[in-house]
Amino acid sequence: MEAVFKREFRSYFTGMTGWIFFAVLFIFCGIFTTAINLLGHAASFEYVLSNMTIVLLFLMPVLAMRSLAEEKRSRTDGLLYSLPVGMRDVVAGKYLALVSVWGIACLAIGAVPLILSFYGKIYFASAYGTLLGFFLLGCALLAICMFFSSLMENQILVAVSGFGSLLLLYLMKGIASLIPAGAGTSLLAFIAVEAVAAVILYLLTKNIWTSVGAFALFAIPTVTVYLVKKSLFEGLFPKLLGYTAVFDRFDSFVNGIFDITAIVYYITLAFFFVWLSVQSMDRKRWN
């Protein structure tokens, strides 16, 4: 894993990807800091980070798009499979390289509150607590984008898919508010989600019966509970959709609340999508 990490981490700086990522991120950080803190006379650096979340929609897919897709495009993925380590170590090494690049960027951004403190009073606990939430949010988004990189070899397609998924997550709370609160609507929505999960399982395993069995395993109990107690489904899906909104959980940090549940949520989400990436790469190995 260490060798994979070093190789991957070095590649972001021997090429243009890492430098472009830093340049764009710091440019927008400077723009928002100037507009909010200097011209707007606001003492809260948290508002800068809140506005920068939309920049992550574009930057995270670009940073992560080459992590696994590049290996497949250049046909060097066979070398990864021949390494005397498991695919879990390979994917973990690549993900840690992504997180390290992101961590360096966040450390550099962490100098901004110190600079602003020369011109006014800065609440460091709130500023750096929000920066921690910002870092963890980025880690979760990188894991999601890396999963798409494990599915495809076209980096442009990976970037577009990653951007579309992150945009959907960004708008999740608004989408949830548009969904009718009826029990029937929630039932159909749950079945649709289970169908999408079955399709993803098929892409990972290429086994139609496993996918159909997994869909039936979840869909049948869902319909059964609906028939037994329909009232449980009243407004349930919109509520769960709003609760799992990735970007909206960051708002608690911006509002000065050190949300432990959000931290656990981001870490769990990152681990889940890294695990999915491992399963995707392992499936290709045995194929």
C-alpha atoms as a PDB file:
ATOM      1  CA  MET A   1       0.000   0.000   0.000  1.00  0.00           C
ATOM      2  CA  GLU A   2       2.855   2.384   0.815  1.00  0.00           C
ATOM      3  CA  ALA A   3       4.378   1.978  -2.658  1.00  0.00           C
ATOM      4  CA  VAL A   4       1.004   2.613  -4.327  1.00  0.00           C
ATOM      5  CA  PHE A   5       0.452   5.677  -2.137  1.00  0.00           C
ATOM      6  CA  LYS A   6       3.876   7.177  -2.947  1.00  0.00           C
ATOM      7  CA  ARG A   7       3.504   6.561  -6.673  1.00  0.00           C
ATOM      8  CA  GLU A   8       0.004   8.013  -6.783  1.00  0.00           C
ATOM      9  CA  PHE A   9       0.796  11.001  -4.579  1.00  0.00           C
ATOM     10  CA  ARG A  10       3.864  11.878  -6.653  1.00  0.00           C
ATOM     11  CA  SER A  11       1.876  11.669  -9.885  1.00  0.00           C
ATOM     12  CA  TYR A  12      -0.375  14.568  -8.848  1.00  0.00           C
ATOM     13  CA  PHE A  13       2.620  16.873  -8.715  1.00  0.00           C
ATOM     14  CA  THR A  14       4.696  15.561 -11.610  1.00  0.00           C
ATOM     15  CA  GLY A  15       1.685  16.269 -13.838  1.00  0.00           C
ATOM     16  CA  MET A  16      -0.679  19.239 -13.943  1.00  0.00           C
ATOM     17  CA  THR A  17      -3.661  17.787 -12.031  1.00  0.00           C
ATOM     18  CA  GLY A  18      -2.518  18.658  -8.515  1.00  0.00           C
ATOM     19  CA  TRP A  19      -1.280  22.141  -9.411  1.00  0.00           C
ATOM     20  CA  ILE A  20      -4.440  23.053 -11.310  1.00  0.00           C
ATOM     21  CA  PHE A  21      -6.520  21.762  -8.399  1.00  0.00           C
ATOM     22  CA  PHE A  22      -4.599  23.943  -5.937  1.00  0.00           C
ATOM     23  CA  ALA A  23      -4.705  26.985  -8.211  1.00  0.00           C
ATOM     24  CA  VAL A  24      -8.471  26.890  -8.777  1.00  0.00           C
ATOM     25  CA  LEU A  25      -9.232  26.144  -5.121  1.00  0.00           C
ATOM     26  CA  PHE A  26      -7.035  28.982  -3.825  1.00  0.00           C
ATOM     27  CA  ILE A  27      -8.351  31.436  -6.402  1.00  0.00           C
ATOM     28  CA  PHE A  28     -11.937  30.861  -5.272  1.00  0.00           C
ATOM     29  CA  CYS A  29     -10.867  30.911  -1.625  1.00  0.00           C
ATOM     30  CA  GLY A  30      -9.284  34.318  -2.244  1.00  0.00           C
ATOM     31  CA  ILE A  31     -12.364  35.608  -4.075  1.00  0.00           C
ATOM     32  CA  PHE A  32     -14.786  34.533  -1.339  1.00  0.00           C
ATOM     33  CA  THR A  33     -12.496  35.763   1.447  1.00  0.00           C
ATOM     34  CA  THR A  34     -12.189  39.163  -0.207  1.00  0.00           C
ATOM     35  CA  ALA A  35     -15.926  39.454  -0.862  1.00  0.00           C
ATOM     36  CA  ILE A  36     -17.162  38.163   2.498  1.00  0.00           C
ATOM     37  CA  ASN A  37     -14.483  39.009   5.059  1.00  0.00           C
ATOM     38  CA  LEU A  38     -12.731  42.068   3.644  1.00  0.00           C
ATOM     39  CA  LEU A  39     -15.347  43.891   1.585  1.00  0.00           C
ATOM     40  CA  GLY A  40     -18.332  42.505   3.498  1.00  0.00           C
ATOM     41  CA  HIS A  41     -16.706  43.158   6.900  1.00  0.00           C
ATOM     42  CA  ALA A  42     -17.814  39.725   8.196  1.00  0.00           C
ATOM     43  CA  ALA A  43     -15.640  38.151  10.890  1.00  0.00           C
ATOM     44  CA  SER A  44     -16.769  34.592  10.144  1.00  0.00           C
ATOM     45  CA  PHE A  45     -14.428  32.565   7.943  1.00  0.00           C
ATOM     46  CA  GLU A  46     -17.060  29.822   8.107  1.00  0.00           C
ATOM     47  CA  TYR A  47     -19.116  31.645   5.462  1.00  0.00           C
ATOM     48  CA  VAL A  48     -16.188  31.435   3.071  1.00  0.00           C
ATOM     49  CA  LEU A  49     -16.053  27.652   3.430  1.00  0.00           C
ATOM     50  CA  SER A  50     -19.831  27.426   3.093  1.00  0.00           C
ATOM     51  CA  ASN A  51     -19.698  29.213  -0.271  1.00  0.00           C
ATOM     52  CA  MET A  52     -16.749  27.098  -1.402  1.00  0.00           C
ATOM     53  CA  THR A  53     -18.760  23.852  -1.192  1.00  0.00           C
ATOM     54  CA  ILE A  54     -20.167  24.552  -4.650  1.00  0.00           C
ATOM     55  CA  VAL A  55     -16.590  24.684  -6.012  1.00  0.00           C
ATOM     56  CA  LEU A  56     -16.106  21.104  -4.807  1.00  0.00           C
ATOM     57  CA  LEU A  57     -18.779  19.961  -7.265  1.00  0.00           C
ATOM     58  CA  PHE A  58     -16.308  20.674 -10.072  1.00  0.00           C
ATOM     59  CA  LEU A  59     -12.933  20.061  -8.432  1.00  0.00           C
ATOM     60  CA  MET A  60     -13.470  16.707  -6.710  1.00  0.00           C
ATOM     61  CA  PRO A  61     -14.490  14.803  -9.888  1.00  0.00           C
ATOM     62  CA  VAL A  62     -11.492  16.287 -11.719  1.00  0.00           C
ATOM     63  CA  LEU A  63      -9.080  15.327  -8.943  1.00  0.00           C
ATOM     64  CA  ALA A  64     -10.397  11.771  -8.586  1.00  0.00           C
ATOM     65  CA  MET A  65     -11.202  10.954 -12.223  1.00  0.00           C
ATOM     66  CA  ARG A  66      -7.782   9.506 -13.051  1.00  0.00           C
ATOM     67  CA  SER A  67      -7.259   7.507  -9.839  1.00  0.00           C
ATOM     68  CA  LEU A  68      -8.465   4.152 -11.211  1.00  0.00           C
ATOM     69  CA  ALA A  69      -9.752   4.994 -14.699  1.00  0.00           C
ATOM     70  CA  GLU A  70      -6.248   5.954 -15.867  1.00  0.00           C
ATOM     71  CA  GLU A  71      -4.956   2.480 -14.994  1.00  0.00           C
ATOM     72  CA  LYS A  72      -7.635   0.879 -17.163  1.00  0.00           C
ATOM     73  CA  ARG A  73      -7.187   3.354 -20.022  1.00  0.00           C
ATOM     74  CA  SER A  74      -3.422   2.860 -20.193  1.00  0.00           C
ATOM     75  CA  ARG A  75      -3.799  -0.922 -19.649  1.00  0.00           C
ATOM     76  CA  THR A  76      -1.570  -0.810 -16.538  1.00  0.00           C
ATOM     77  CA  ASP A  77      -4.311  -2.239 -14.331  1.00  0.00           C
ATOM     78  CA  GLY A  78      -2.841  -5.680 -15.031  1.00  0.00           C
ATOM     79  CA  LEU A  79       0.263  -4.598 -13.128  1.00  0.00           C
ATOM     80  CA  LEU A  80      -1.904  -3.695 -10.128  1.00  0.00           C
ATOM     81  CA  TYR A  81      -3.479  -7.143 -10.155  1.00  0.00           C
ATOM     82  CA  SER A  82      -0.024  -8.758 -10.235  1.00  0.00           C
ATOM     83  CA  LEU A  83       1.203  -6.908  -7.144  1.00  0.00           C
ATOM     84  CA  PRO A  84       1.780  -9.072  -4.041  1.00  0.00           C
ATOM     85  CA  VAL A  85      -0.934  -7.143  -2.161  1.00  0.00           C
ATOM     86  CA  GLY A  86      -4.710  -7.294  -2.130  1.00  0.00           C
ATOM     87  CA  MET A  87      -6.855  -4.923  -4.154  1.00  0.00           C
ATOM     88  CA  ARG A  88      -7.965  -3.421  -0.837  1.00  0.00           C
ATOM     89  CA  ASP A  89      -4.426  -2.131  -0.266  1.00  0.00           C
ATOM     90  CA  VAL A  90      -4.176  -0.788  -3.819  1.00  0.00           C
ATOM     91  CA  VAL A  91      -7.457   1.143  -3.601  1.00  0.00           C
ATOM     92  CA  ALA A  92      -6.652   2.328  -0.064  1.00  0.00           C
ATOM     93  CA  GLY A  93      -3.249   3.614  -1.231  1.00  0.00           C
ATOM     94  CA  LYS A  94      -4.822   5.544  -4.090  1.00  0.00           C
ATOM     95  CA  TYR A  95      -7.562   6.961  -1.872  1.00  0.00           C
ATOM     96  CA  LEU A  96      -5.063   8.044   0.795  1.00  0.00           C
ATOM     97  CA  ALA A  97      -3.074   9.841  -1.924  1.00  0.00           C
ATOM     98  CA  LEU A  98      -6.229  11.745  -2.892  1.00  0.00           C
ATOM     99  CA  VAL A  99      -6.953  12.572   0.742  1.00  0.00           C
ATOM    100  CA  SER A 100      -3.357  13.734   1.250  1.00  0.00           C
ATOM    101  CA  VAL A 101      -3.562  16.163  -1.677  1.00  0.00           C
ATOM    102  CA  TRP A 102      -6.888  17.419  -0.326  1.00  0.00           C
ATOM    103  CA  GLY A 103      -5.423  17.641   3.186  1.00  0.00           C
ATOM    104  CA  ILE A 104      -2.508  19.792   1.978  1.00  0.00           C
ATOM    105  CA  ALA A 105      -5.007  22.147   0.337  1.00  0.00           C
ATOM    106  CA  CYS A 106      -7.034  22.390   3.560  1.00  0.00           C
ATOM    107  CA  LEU A 107      -3.891  23.062   5.609  1.00  0.00           C
ATOM    108  CA  ALA A 108      -3.023  25.925   3.270  1.00  0.00           C
ATOM    109  CA  ILE A 109      -6.570  27.287   3.555  1.00  0.00           C
ATOM    110  CA  GLY A 110      -6.123  27.096   7.333  1.00  0.00           C
ATOM    111  CA  ALA A 111      -3.661  29.982   7.117  1.00  0.00           C
ATOM    112  CA  VAL A 112      -6.436  32.375   6.041  1.00  0.00           C
ATOM    113  CA  PRO A 113      -8.024  32.802   9.519  1.00  0.00           C
ATOM    114  CA  LEU A 114      -4.563  33.557  10.938  1.00  0.00           C
ATOM    115  CA  ILE A 115      -4.043  36.267   8.324  1.00  0.00           C
ATOM    116  CA  LEU A 116      -7.522  37.698   8.945  1.00  0.00           C
ATOM    117  CA  SER A 117      -6.831  37.841  12.690  1.00  0.00           C
ATOM    118  CA  PHE A 118      -4.415  40.726  12.027  1.00  0.00           C
ATOM    119  CA  TYR A 119      -7.335  42.798  10.783  1.00  0.00           C
ATOM    120  CA  GLY A 120     -10.070  41.837  13.247  1.00  0.00           C
ATOM    121  CA  LYS A 121     -11.373  39.305  15.760  1.00  0.00           C
ATOM    122  CA  ILE A 122     -11.637  35.753  14.430  1.00  0.00           C
ATOM    123  CA  TYR A 123     -13.311  32.915  16.326  1.00  0.00           C
ATOM    124  CA  PHE A 124     -10.632  30.284  15.779  1.00  0.00           C
ATOM    125  CA  ALA A 125     -12.542  27.371  17.376  1.00  0.00           C
ATOM    126  CA  SER A 126     -15.501  27.876  15.031  1.00  0.00           C
ATOM    127  CA  ALA A 127     -13.290  28.581  11.994  1.00  0.00           C
ATOM    128  CA  TYR A 128     -11.111  25.496  12.376  1.00  0.00           C
ATOM    129  CA  GLY A 129     -14.031  23.289  13.454  1.00  0.00           C
ATOM    130  CA  THR A 130     -15.734  24.268  10.193  1.00  0.00           C
ATOM    131  CA  LEU A 131     -12.495  23.605   8.287  1.00  0.00           C
ATOM    132  CA  LEU A 132     -12.435  20.083   9.769  1.00  0.00           C
ATOM    133  CA  GLY A 133     -16.000  19.532   8.560  1.00  0.00           C
ATOM    134  CA  PHE A 134     -14.983  20.926   5.160  1.00  0.00           C
ATOM    135  CA  PHE A 135     -12.080  18.470   4.999  1.00  0.00           C
ATOM    136  CA  LEU A 136     -14.285  15.484   5.909  1.00  0.00           C
ATOM    137  CA  LEU A 137     -16.923  16.554   3.403  1.00  0.00           C
ATOM    138  CA  GLY A 138     -14.218  16.583   0.721  1.00  0.00           C
ATOM    139  CA  CYS A 139     -13.004  13.121   1.787  1.00  0.00           C
ATOM    140  CA  ALA A 140     -16.518  11.715   1.366  1.00  0.00           C
ATOM    141  CA  LEU A 141     -16.907  13.347  -2.054  1.00  0.00           C
ATOM    142  CA  LEU A 142     -13.539  11.988  -3.199  1.00  0.00           C
ATOM    143  CA  ALA A 143     -14.594   8.457  -2.216  1.00  0.00           C
ATOM    144  CA  ILE A 144     -17.797   8.820  -4.256  1.00  0.00           C
ATOM    145  CA  CYS A 145     -15.899  10.090  -7.306  1.00  0.00           C
ATOM    146  CA  MET A 146     -13.261   7.362  -6.997  1.00  0.00           C
ATOM    147  CA  PHE A 147     -16.026   4.765  -7.133  1.00  0.00           C
ATOM    148  CA  PHE A 148     -17.074   6.108 -10.537  1.00  0.00           C
ATOM    149  CA  SER A 149     -13.415   5.948 -11.579  1.00  0.00           C
ATOM    150  CA  SER A 150     -13.406   2.251 -10.695  1.00  0.00           C
ATOM    151  CA  LEU A 151     -16.379   1.622 -13.002  1.00  0.00           C
ATOM    152  CA  MET A 152     -15.155   3.392 -16.152  1.00  0.00           C
ATOM    153  CA  GLU A 153     -11.963   3.948 -18.127  1.00  0.00           C
ATOM    154  CA  ASN A 154     -12.985   7.188 -19.848  1.00  0.00           C
ATOM    155  CA  GLN A 155     -11.852   9.974 -17.524  1.00  0.00           C
ATOM    156  CA  ILE A 156     -14.197  12.568 -19.047  1.00  0.00           C
ATOM    157  CA  LEU A 157     -17.135  10.246 -18.453  1.00  0.00           C
ATOM    158  CA  VAL A 158     -15.945   9.704 -14.870  1.00  0.00           C
ATOM    159  CA  ALA A 159     -15.755  13.467 -14.287  1.00  0.00           C
ATOM    160  CA  VAL A 160     -19.218  14.064 -15.769  1.00  0.00           C
ATOM    161  CA  SER A 161     -20.748  11.200 -13.765  1.00  0.00           C
ATOM    162  CA  GLY A 162     -19.069  12.424 -10.587  1.00  0.00           C
ATOM    163  CA  PHE A 163     -20.252  15.986 -11.158  1.00  0.00           C
ATOM    164  CA  GLY A 164     -23.818  14.817 -11.830  1.00  0.00           C
ATOM    165  CA  SER A 165     -23.873  12.726  -8.662  1.00  0.00           C
ATOM    166  CA  LEU A 166     -22.433  15.501  -6.501  1.00  0.00           C
ATOM    167  CA  LEU A 167     -24.870  18.014  -7.995  1.00  0.00           C
ATOM    168  CA  LEU A 168     -27.725  15.657  -7.100  1.00  0.00           C
ATOM    169  CA  LEU A 169     -26.401  15.435  -3.535  1.00  0.00           C
ATOM    170  CA  TYR A 170     -26.034  19.221  -3.417  1.00  0.00           C
ATOM    171  CA  LEU A 171     -29.684  19.663  -4.379  1.00  0.00           C
ATOM    172  CA  MET A 172     -30.901  16.751  -2.253  1.00  0.00           C
ATOM    173  CA  LYS A 173     -32.738  18.802   0.370  1.00  0.00           C
ATOM    174  CA  GLY A 174     -34.564  20.812  -2.270  1.00  0.00           C
ATOM    175  CA  ILE A 175     -35.476  17.649  -4.165  1.00  0.00           C
ATOM    176  CA  ALA A 176     -36.787  16.081  -0.939  1.00  0.00           C
ATOM    177  CA  SER A 177     -39.097  19.034  -0.382  1.00  0.00           C
ATOM    178  CA  LEU A 178     -40.635  18.511  -3.852  1.00  0.00           C
ATOM    179  CA  ILE A 179     -41.532  14.853  -3.245  1.00  0.00           C
ATOM    180  CA  PRO A 180     -45.150  14.348  -2.128  1.00  0.00           C
ATOM    181  CA  ALA A 181     -45.521  13.088   1.433  1.00  0.00           C
ATOM    182  CA  GLY A 182     -48.014  10.368   0.534  1.00  0.00           C
ATOM    183  CA  ALA A 183     -47.405   6.777   1.632  1.00  0.00           C
ATOM    184  CA  GLY A 184     -47.713   5.449  -1.927  1.00  0.00           C
ATOM    185  CA  THR A 185     -45.091   7.884  -3.185  1.00  0.00           C
ATOM    186  CA  SER A 186     -42.669   6.772  -0.470  1.00  0.00           C
ATOM    187  CA  LEU A 187     -43.263   3.118  -1.353  1.00  0.00           C
ATOM    188  CA  LEU A 188     -42.546   3.708  -5.050  1.00  0.00           C
ATOM    189  CA  ALA A 189     -39.453   5.750  -4.173  1.00  0.00           C
ATOM    190  CA  PHE A 190     -38.058   2.997  -1.919  1.00  0.00           C
ATOM    191  CA  ILE A 191     -38.642   0.375  -4.613  1.00  0.00           C
ATOM    192  CA  ALA A 192     -36.902   2.621  -7.174  1.00  0.00           C
ATOM    193  CA  VAL A 193     -33.882   3.011  -4.870  1.00  0.00           C
ATOM    194  CA  GLU A 194     -33.760  -0.757  -4.314  1.00  0.00           C
ATOM    195  CA  ALA A 195     -33.899  -1.292  -8.091  1.00  0.00           C
ATOM    196  CA  VAL A 196     -30.977   1.119  -8.621  1.00  0.00           C
ATOM    197  CA  ALA A 197     -29.012  -0.691  -5.884  1.00  0.00           C
ATOM    198  CA  ALA A 198     -29.704  -3.998  -7.653  1.00  0.00           C
ATOM    199  CA  VAL A 199     -28.398  -2.540 -10.930  1.00  0.00           C
ATOM    200  CA  ILE A 200     -25.220  -1.349  -9.192  1.00  0.00           C
ATOM    201  CA  LEU A 201     -24.821  -4.825  -7.675  1.00  0.00           C
ATOM    202  CA  TYR A 202     -25.145  -6.315 -11.151  1.00  0.00           C
ATOM    203  CA  LEU A 203     -22.440  -3.971 -12.466  1.00  0.00           C
ATOM    204  CA  LEU A 204     -20.164  -5.143  -9.658  1.00  0.00           C
ATOM    205  CA  THR A 205     -20.884  -8.888  -9.887  1.00  0.00           C
ATOM    206  CA  LYS A 206     -22.197  -9.406 -13.448  1.00  0.00           C
ATOM    207  CA  ASN A 207     -24.563 -11.970 -11.893  1.00  0.00           C
ATOM    208  CA  ILE A 208     -28.201 -11.299 -12.762  1.00  0.00           C
ATOM    209  CA  TRP A 209     -29.584 -13.770 -10.214  1.00  0.00           C
ATOM    210  CA  THR A 210     -27.635 -12.234  -7.366  1.00  0.00           C
ATOM    211  CA  SER A 211     -29.003  -8.819  -8.312  1.00  0.00           C
ATOM    212  CA  VAL A 212     -32.596 -10.084  -8.642  1.00  0.00           C
ATOM    213  CA  GLY A 213     -32.297 -11.951  -5.346  1.00  0.00           C
ATOM    214  CA  ALA A 214     -30.965  -8.865  -3.552  1.00  0.00           C
ATOM    215  CA  PHE A 215     -33.791  -6.752  -4.994  1.00  0.00           C
ATOM    216  CA  ALA A 216     -36.400  -9.286  -3.867  1.00  0.00           C
ATOM    217  CA  LEU A 217     -34.762  -9.521  -0.426  1.00  0.00           C
ATOM    218  CA  PHE A 218     -35.427  -5.829   0.201  1.00  0.00           C
ATOM    219  CA  ALA A 219     -38.477  -5.138  -1.971  1.00  0.00           C
ATOM    220  CA  ILE A 220     -40.681  -7.894  -0.546  1.00  0.00           C
ATOM    221  CA  PRO A 221     -40.317  -6.776   3.115  1.00  0.00           C
ATOM    222  CA  THR A 222     -40.829  -3.155   2.022  1.00  0.00           C
ATOM    223  CA  VAL A 223     -44.136  -3.979   0.324  1.00  0.00           C
ATOM    224  CA  THR A 224     -45.151  -6.216   3.237  1.00  0.00           C
ATOM    225  CA  VAL A 225     -44.608  -3.477   5.815  1.00  0.00           C
ATOM    226  CA  TYR A 226     -46.511  -1.057   3.587  1.00  0.00           C
ATOM    227  CA  LEU A 227     -49.494  -3.415   3.403  1.00  0.00           C
ATOM    228  CA  VAL A 228     -49.459  -4.067   7.158  1.00  0.00           C
ATOM    229  CA  LYS A 229     -48.960  -0.484   8.336  1.00  0.00           C
ATOM    230  CA  LYS A 230     -49.352   2.054   5.579  1.00  0.00           C
ATOM    231  CA  SER A 231     -49.109   5.027   7.965  1.00  0.00           C
ATOM    232  CA  LEU A 232     -45.395   4.351   8.546  1.00  0.00           C
ATOM    233  CA  PHE A 233     -44.678   5.459   4.970  1.00  0.00           C
ATOM    234  CA  GLU A 234     -46.344   8.864   5.302  1.00  0.00           C
ATOM    235  CA  GLY A 235     -43.580  11.366   4.480  1.00  0.00           C
ATOM    236  CA  LEU A 236     -40.911   8.751   5.284  1.00  0.00           C
ATOM    237  CA  PHE A 237     -38.892   8.899   2.060  1.00  0.00           C
ATOM    238  CA  PRO A 238     -38.597  12.723   1.868  1.00  0.00           C
ATOM    239  CA  LYS A 239     -37.583  12.754   5.537  1.00  0.00           C
ATOM    240  CA  LEU A 240     -34.854  10.132   5.018  1.00  0.00           C
ATOM    241  CA  LEU A 241     -33.702  11.851   1.831  1.00  0.00           C
ATOM    242  CA  GLY A 242     -33.293  15.141   3.677  1.00  0.00           C
ATOM    243  CA  TYR A 243     -31.507  13.411   6.548  1.00  0.00           C
ATOM    244  CA  THR A 244     -28.897  11.832   4.253  1.00  0.00           C
ATOM    245  CA  ALA A 245     -28.157  15.084   2.373  1.00  0.00           C
ATOM    246  CA  VAL A 246     -24.358  15.243   2.298  1.00  0.00           C
ATOM    247  CA  PHE A 247     -23.860  18.973   1.823  1.00  0.00           C
ATOM    248  CA  ASP A 248     -26.601  20.077   4.211  1.00  0.00           C
ATOM    249  CA  ARG A 249     -24.900  18.323   7.114  1.00  0.00           C
ATOM    250  CA  PHE A 250     -22.031  20.760   6.700  1.00  0.00           C
ATOM    251  CA  ASP A 251     -24.371  23.627   7.640  1.00  0.00           C
ATOM    252  CA  SER A 252     -24.162  22.671  11.316  1.00  0.00           C
ATOM    253  CA  PHE A 253     -20.415  23.424  11.302  1.00  0.00           C
ATOM    254  CA  VAL A 254     -21.022  26.746   9.566  1.00  0.00           C
ATOM    255  CA  ASN A 255     -23.553  27.627  12.263  1.00  0.00           C
ATOM    256  CA  GLY A 256     -20.971  27.009  15.002  1.00  0.00           C
ATOM    257  CA  ILE A 257     -22.117  23.506  16.004  1.00  0.00           C
ATOM    258  CA  PHE A 258     -19.462  20.795  16.194  1.00  0.00           C
ATOM    259  CA  ASP A 259     -21.676  17.992  14.902  1.00  0.00           C
ATOM    260  CA  ILE A 260     -20.290  14.577  15.876  1.00  0.00           C
ATOM    261  CA  THR A 261     -23.036  12.772  13.932  1.00  0.00           C
ATOM    262  CA  ALA A 262     -21.969  14.615  10.752  1.00  0.00           C
ATOM    263  CA  ILE A 263     -18.352  13.555  11.319  1.00  0.00           C
ATOM    264  CA  VAL A 264     -19.396   9.911  11.759  1.00  0.00           C
ATOM    265  CA  TYR A 265     -21.635  10.201   8.688  1.00  0.00           C
ATOM    266  CA  TYR A 266     -18.838  11.545   6.462  1.00  0.00           C
ATOM    267  CA  ILE A 267     -16.355   8.903   7.644  1.00  0.00           C
ATOM    268  CA  THR A 268     -18.902   6.112   7.157  1.00  0.00           C
ATOM    269  CA  LEU A 269     -19.801   7.379   3.681  1.00  0.00           C
ATOM    270  CA  ALA A 270     -16.120   7.511   2.705  1.00  0.00           C
ATOM    271  CA  PHE A 271     -15.476   3.965   3.942  1.00  0.00           C
ATOM    272  CA  PHE A 272     -18.581   2.675   2.155  1.00  0.00           C
ATOM    273  CA  PHE A 273     -17.618   4.040  -1.265  1.00  0.00           C
ATOM    274  CA  VAL A 274     -13.987   2.971  -0.881  1.00  0.00           C
ATOM    275  CA  TRP A 275     -15.310  -0.520  -0.118  1.00  0.00           C
ATOM    276  CA  LEU A 276     -17.483  -0.356  -3.255  1.00  0.00           C
ATOM    277  CA  SER A 277     -14.394   0.627  -5.273  1.00  0.00           C
ATOM    278  CA  VAL A 278     -12.531  -2.397  -3.895  1.00  0.00           C
ATOM    279  CA  GLN A 279     -15.417  -4.694  -4.888  1.00  0.00           C
ATOM    280  CA  SER A 280     -15.514  -3.164  -8.366  1.00  0.00           C
ATOM    281  CA  MET A 281     -11.779  -3.639  -8.919  1.00  0.00           C
ATOM    282  CA  ASP A 282     -11.843  -7.155  -7.449  1.00  0.00           C
ATOM    283  CA  ARG A 283     -14.619  -8.112  -9.841  1.00  0.00           C
ATOM    284  CA  LYS A 284     -12.463  -6.981 -12.783  1.00  0.00           C
ATOM    285  CA  ARG A 285      -9.503  -8.912 -11.380  1.00  0.00           C
ATOM    286  CA  TRP A 286     -11.378 -12.235 -11.395  1.00  0.00           C
ATOM    287  CA  ASN A 287     -12.953 -11.527 -14.762  1.00  0.00           C
END
